[in-house]
């Protein structure tokens, strides 16, 4: 990687997060921490408003910007395929947002590079997908955001239908399907539910408060402990 490209990436990483450590930058950029410290110093000397200190972390105010968007060719393709996958597999709201986001990326690129988006040959076909799945993803997104419980009819491993009341925590896309991470009030524990195995799913008026022992962070910790 050219040093100019690395410096640009450091600026983008520092703008994207509240605080970023030299160790994180070293890992992401595959250089030594000593190199990161030198790059941070040089950015500061060149007028980039880097805040922070070694051992604590660094940040750059998001109001600071570089023009124009200097995506590499591979980064353009990554954005295109990611947004096309969101358009294909997410719900109606994200589908529309993905289309708008792709248009904004095209407008932000220098005019001579906009053809790279149109010429990308990475696609996410939708003809084989059940439209109802997108509607379910959208409903589950809303239930997670509003912290509303779910009443779910779910087919278990024996294809027997069970009724569950869930606290929805997060959605995961596995390439071949979506799963819901949840606290199951019926079983008093964390569970994962494949969306395609839900015979029915209804968002209830009942809301819930986030509790540490029933949170997504605790779900991930428990999954990691058993993997």
Protein backbone atom coordinates (compact mmCIF):
# COMPACT_ATOMS: atom_id res chain seq x y z
CA UNK A 1 0.00 0.00 0.00
CA UNK A 2 1.30 3.46 -0.88
CA UNK A 3 1.95 5.72 2.10
CA UNK A 4 -0.48 8.31 0.71
CA UNK A 5 -3.23 5.69 0.60
CA UNK A 6 -2.40 4.60 4.16
CA UNK A 7 -2.57 8.18 5.45
CA UNK A 8 -5.94 8.64 3.76
CA UNK A 9 -7.25 5.44 5.35
CA UNK A 10 -6.04 6.55 8.79
CA UNK A 11 -7.99 9.80 8.42
CA UNK A 12 -11.13 7.89 7.41
CA UNK A 13 -10.81 5.46 10.33
CA UNK A 14 -10.34 8.31 12.82
CA UNK A 15 -13.35 10.21 11.46
CA UNK A 16 -15.59 7.13 11.57
CA UNK A 17 -15.22 6.35 15.30
CA UNK A 18 -15.31 8.13 18.62
CA UNK A 19 -11.87 6.80 19.51
CA UNK A 20 -9.42 4.58 17.61
CA UNK A 21 -6.24 3.14 19.09
CA UNK A 22 -2.87 2.76 17.40
CA UNK A 23 -3.17 -1.00 17.96
CA UNK A 24 -6.42 -1.09 15.97
CA UNK A 25 -4.91 0.93 13.13
CA UNK A 26 -1.84 -1.28 13.14
CA UNK A 27 -4.01 -4.38 12.76
CA UNK A 28 -6.30 -2.95 10.08
CA UNK A 29 -3.49 -1.47 7.98
CA UNK A 30 -1.03 -4.32 8.59
CA UNK A 31 1.81 -2.06 9.69
CA UNK A 32 3.66 -1.66 12.98
CA UNK A 33 2.37 0.60 15.74
CA UNK A 34 5.59 2.58 15.37
CA UNK A 35 4.61 3.32 11.77
CA UNK A 36 1.13 4.36 12.91
CA UNK A 37 2.57 6.78 15.48
CA UNK A 38 4.83 8.29 12.82
CA UNK A 39 1.90 8.66 10.41
CA UNK A 40 -0.27 10.29 13.09
CA UNK A 41 2.53 12.75 13.85
CA UNK A 42 2.97 13.61 10.17
CA UNK A 43 -0.79 14.08 9.70
CA UNK A 44 -0.84 16.50 12.64
CA UNK A 45 2.15 18.43 11.28
CA UNK A 46 0.43 18.72 7.89
CA UNK A 47 -2.60 20.40 9.46
CA UNK A 48 -5.00 17.47 9.92
CA UNK A 49 -6.78 18.09 13.29
CA UNK A 50 -5.92 14.81 15.02
CA UNK A 51 -6.88 14.71 18.72
CA UNK A 52 -5.70 12.22 21.34
CA UNK A 53 -2.51 10.63 22.55
CA UNK A 54 -0.53 7.42 22.44
CA UNK A 55 -1.88 4.70 24.73
CA UNK A 56 -5.36 6.25 24.81
CA UNK A 57 -6.52 6.66 21.24
CA UNK A 58 -7.10 9.19 18.50
CA UNK A 59 -10.01 10.89 16.77
CA UNK A 60 -10.76 13.49 14.11
CA UNK A 61 -13.89 15.66 14.19
CA UNK A 62 -16.34 14.34 11.60
CA UNK A 63 -16.80 17.88 10.31
CA UNK A 64 -13.31 17.59 8.85
CA UNK A 65 -13.47 16.20 5.34
CA UNK A 66 -11.30 15.23 2.43
CA UNK A 67 -12.44 15.83 -1.12
CA UNK A 68 -13.39 14.05 -3.22
CA UNK A 69 -14.21 10.53 -2.11
CA UNK A 70 -11.01 8.70 -3.02
CA UNK A 71 -12.24 5.14 -3.24
CA UNK A 72 -9.92 2.58 -4.78
CA UNK A 73 -11.39 0.37 -7.51
CA UNK A 74 -11.76 -2.54 -5.06
CA UNK A 75 -13.49 -0.26 -2.53
CA UNK A 76 -15.98 0.85 -5.17
CA UNK A 77 -16.78 -2.79 -5.96
CA UNK A 78 -17.13 -3.59 -2.24
CA UNK A 79 -19.62 -0.73 -1.82
CA UNK A 80 -21.55 -1.75 -4.93
CA UNK A 81 -21.88 -5.43 -4.02
CA UNK A 82 -22.73 -4.60 -0.39
CA UNK A 83 -25.50 -2.21 -1.38
CA UNK A 84 -26.80 -4.60 -4.04
CA UNK A 85 -26.98 -7.35 -1.42
CA UNK A 86 -28.90 -5.03 0.90
CA UNK A 87 -31.25 -4.19 -1.95
CA UNK A 88 -31.80 -7.88 -2.65
CA UNK A 89 -32.05 -9.42 0.81
CA UNK A 90 -33.24 -6.66 3.16
CA UNK A 91 -36.72 -5.25 3.69
CA UNK A 92 -38.47 -2.51 1.67
CA UNK A 93 -37.02 0.41 3.65
CA UNK A 94 -33.42 -0.79 3.42
CA UNK A 95 -33.97 -1.75 -0.20
CA UNK A 96 -34.95 1.80 -1.04
CA UNK A 97 -32.15 3.22 1.13
CA UNK A 98 -29.58 1.02 -0.64
CA UNK A 99 -30.65 2.34 -4.05
CA UNK A 100 -30.43 5.94 -2.81
CA UNK A 101 -27.05 5.31 -1.16
CA UNK A 102 -25.61 3.89 -4.39
CA UNK A 103 -26.76 6.98 -6.26
CA UNK A 104 -25.11 9.20 -3.62
CA UNK A 105 -21.84 7.28 -3.89
CA UNK A 106 -21.94 7.74 -7.67
CA UNK A 107 -22.47 11.49 -7.29
CA UNK A 108 -19.66 11.76 -4.74
CA UNK A 109 -17.13 10.11 -7.06
CA UNK A 110 -15.20 12.15 -9.62
CA UNK A 111 -17.21 12.13 -12.85
CA UNK A 112 -14.61 10.14 -14.77
CA UNK A 113 -14.90 7.28 -12.24
CA UNK A 114 -18.68 6.96 -12.04
CA UNK A 115 -18.67 4.38 -14.83
CA UNK A 116 -16.95 1.98 -12.41
CA UNK A 117 -20.27 1.56 -10.59
CA UNK A 118 -22.19 0.82 -13.79
CA UNK A 119 -19.48 -1.52 -15.04
CA UNK A 120 -19.24 -3.57 -11.83
CA UNK A 121 -20.11 -7.18 -12.64
CA UNK A 122 -20.99 -8.23 -9.09
CA UNK A 123 -24.72 -8.86 -8.63
CA UNK A 124 -27.23 -10.12 -6.07
CA UNK A 125 -30.18 -11.63 -8.03
CA UNK A 126 -33.62 -11.41 -6.45
CA UNK A 127 -35.79 -13.59 -8.72
CA UNK A 128 -35.42 -16.63 -6.43
CA UNK A 129 -36.35 -14.79 -3.22
CA UNK A 130 -39.72 -14.87 -1.46
CA UNK A 131 -40.94 -11.24 -1.27
CA UNK A 132 -42.55 -12.03 2.09
CA UNK A 133 -39.08 -12.54 3.57
CA UNK A 134 -38.18 -8.91 2.94
CA UNK A 135 -41.39 -7.79 4.65
CA UNK A 136 -40.53 -9.95 7.66
CA UNK A 137 -37.01 -8.53 7.86
CA UNK A 138 -38.52 -5.04 7.86
CA UNK A 139 -40.98 -5.89 10.62
CA UNK A 140 -38.25 -7.42 12.76
CA UNK A 141 -36.05 -4.36 12.26
CA UNK A 142 -38.90 -2.22 13.54
CA UNK A 143 -39.48 -4.47 16.53
CA UNK A 144 -35.79 -4.35 17.48
CA UNK A 145 -35.68 -0.55 17.13
CA UNK A 146 -38.89 -0.01 19.13
CA UNK A 147 -38.14 -2.81 21.65
CA UNK A 148 -41.49 -4.47 21.09
CA UNK A 149 -41.94 -8.13 21.88
CA UNK A 150 -42.83 -10.72 19.26
CA UNK A 151 -45.35 -13.54 19.22
CA UNK A 152 -43.81 -16.20 16.97
CA UNK A 153 -45.03 -19.57 15.71
CA UNK A 154 -41.81 -21.46 15.05
CA UNK A 155 -41.09 -24.84 13.48
CA UNK A 156 -38.47 -26.70 15.51
CA UNK A 157 -35.95 -29.32 14.34
CA UNK A 158 -38.71 -31.94 14.32
CA UNK A 159 -40.85 -29.60 12.20
CA UNK A 160 -43.27 -29.25 15.08
CA UNK A 161 -44.79 -25.83 15.58
CA UNK A 162 -44.16 -24.12 18.92
CA UNK A 163 -45.37 -20.76 20.19
CA UNK A 164 -42.81 -18.30 21.56
CA UNK A 165 -42.79 -14.81 23.03
CA UNK A 166 -39.47 -13.16 22.16
CA UNK A 167 -37.44 -10.09 22.93
CA UNK A 168 -35.78 -9.38 19.55
CA UNK A 169 -32.12 -8.38 19.89
CA UNK A 170 -30.45 -8.51 16.47
CA UNK A 171 -30.67 -9.77 12.90
CA UNK A 172 -27.92 -11.77 11.20
CA UNK A 173 -27.54 -12.50 7.49
CA UNK A 174 -25.68 -15.74 6.74
CA UNK A 175 -25.56 -15.57 2.95
CA UNK A 176 -28.29 -18.17 2.58
CA UNK A 177 -30.77 -16.76 5.07
CA UNK A 178 -31.53 -14.51 8.03
CA UNK A 179 -31.64 -15.44 11.70
CA UNK A 180 -32.98 -13.53 14.68
CA UNK A 181 -31.06 -13.37 17.95
CA UNK A 182 -33.55 -13.13 20.81
CA UNK A 183 -34.28 -13.71 24.44
CA UNK A 184 -37.01 -16.33 24.53
CA UNK A 185 -39.40 -15.63 27.38
CA UNK A 186 -41.06 -18.98 26.80
CA UNK A 187 -37.78 -20.89 27.33
CA UNK A 188 -36.09 -18.35 29.64
CA UNK A 189 -32.91 -18.20 27.60
CA UNK A 190 -31.15 -16.94 24.49
CA UNK A 191 -32.16 -18.52 21.20
CA UNK A 192 -31.55 -18.04 17.47
CA UNK A 193 -34.50 -18.34 15.09
CA UNK A 194 -34.31 -18.80 11.31
CA UNK A 195 -36.77 -16.45 9.65
CA UNK A 196 -37.79 -19.04 7.05
CA UNK A 197 -38.89 -21.39 9.86
CA UNK A 198 -41.31 -18.85 11.31
CA UNK A 199 -44.81 -19.99 10.41
CA UNK A 200 -46.17 -16.71 11.76
CA UNK A 201 -44.73 -13.64 13.44
CA UNK A 202 -46.59 -10.75 15.04
CA UNK A 203 -45.20 -7.64 16.69
CA UNK A 204 -46.91 -7.04 20.02
CA UNK A 205 -47.77 -3.75 21.71
CA UNK A 206 -45.82 -4.89 24.78
CA UNK A 207 -42.40 -3.28 25.04
CA UNK A 208 -39.34 -4.30 27.04
CA UNK A 209 -36.40 -2.55 28.65
CA UNK A 210 -32.85 -3.62 27.81
CA UNK A 211 -31.43 -5.68 30.68
CA UNK A 212 -27.73 -6.52 30.80
CA UNK A 213 -28.29 -10.24 31.29
CA UNK A 214 -30.77 -10.32 28.39
CA UNK A 215 -28.91 -8.02 25.99
CA UNK A 216 -27.36 -8.64 22.58
CA UNK A 217 -23.89 -8.23 24.10
CA UNK A 218 -24.66 -11.00 26.59
CA UNK A 219 -26.11 -13.14 23.79
CA UNK A 220 -22.85 -12.81 21.86
CA UNK A 221 -20.82 -13.54 24.98
CA UNK A 222 -22.84 -16.70 25.64
CA UNK A 223 -22.47 -17.84 22.04
CA UNK A 224 -18.72 -17.29 22.21
CA UNK A 225 -18.51 -19.23 25.46
CA UNK A 226 -20.21 -22.27 23.94
CA UNK A 227 -18.48 -22.24 20.53
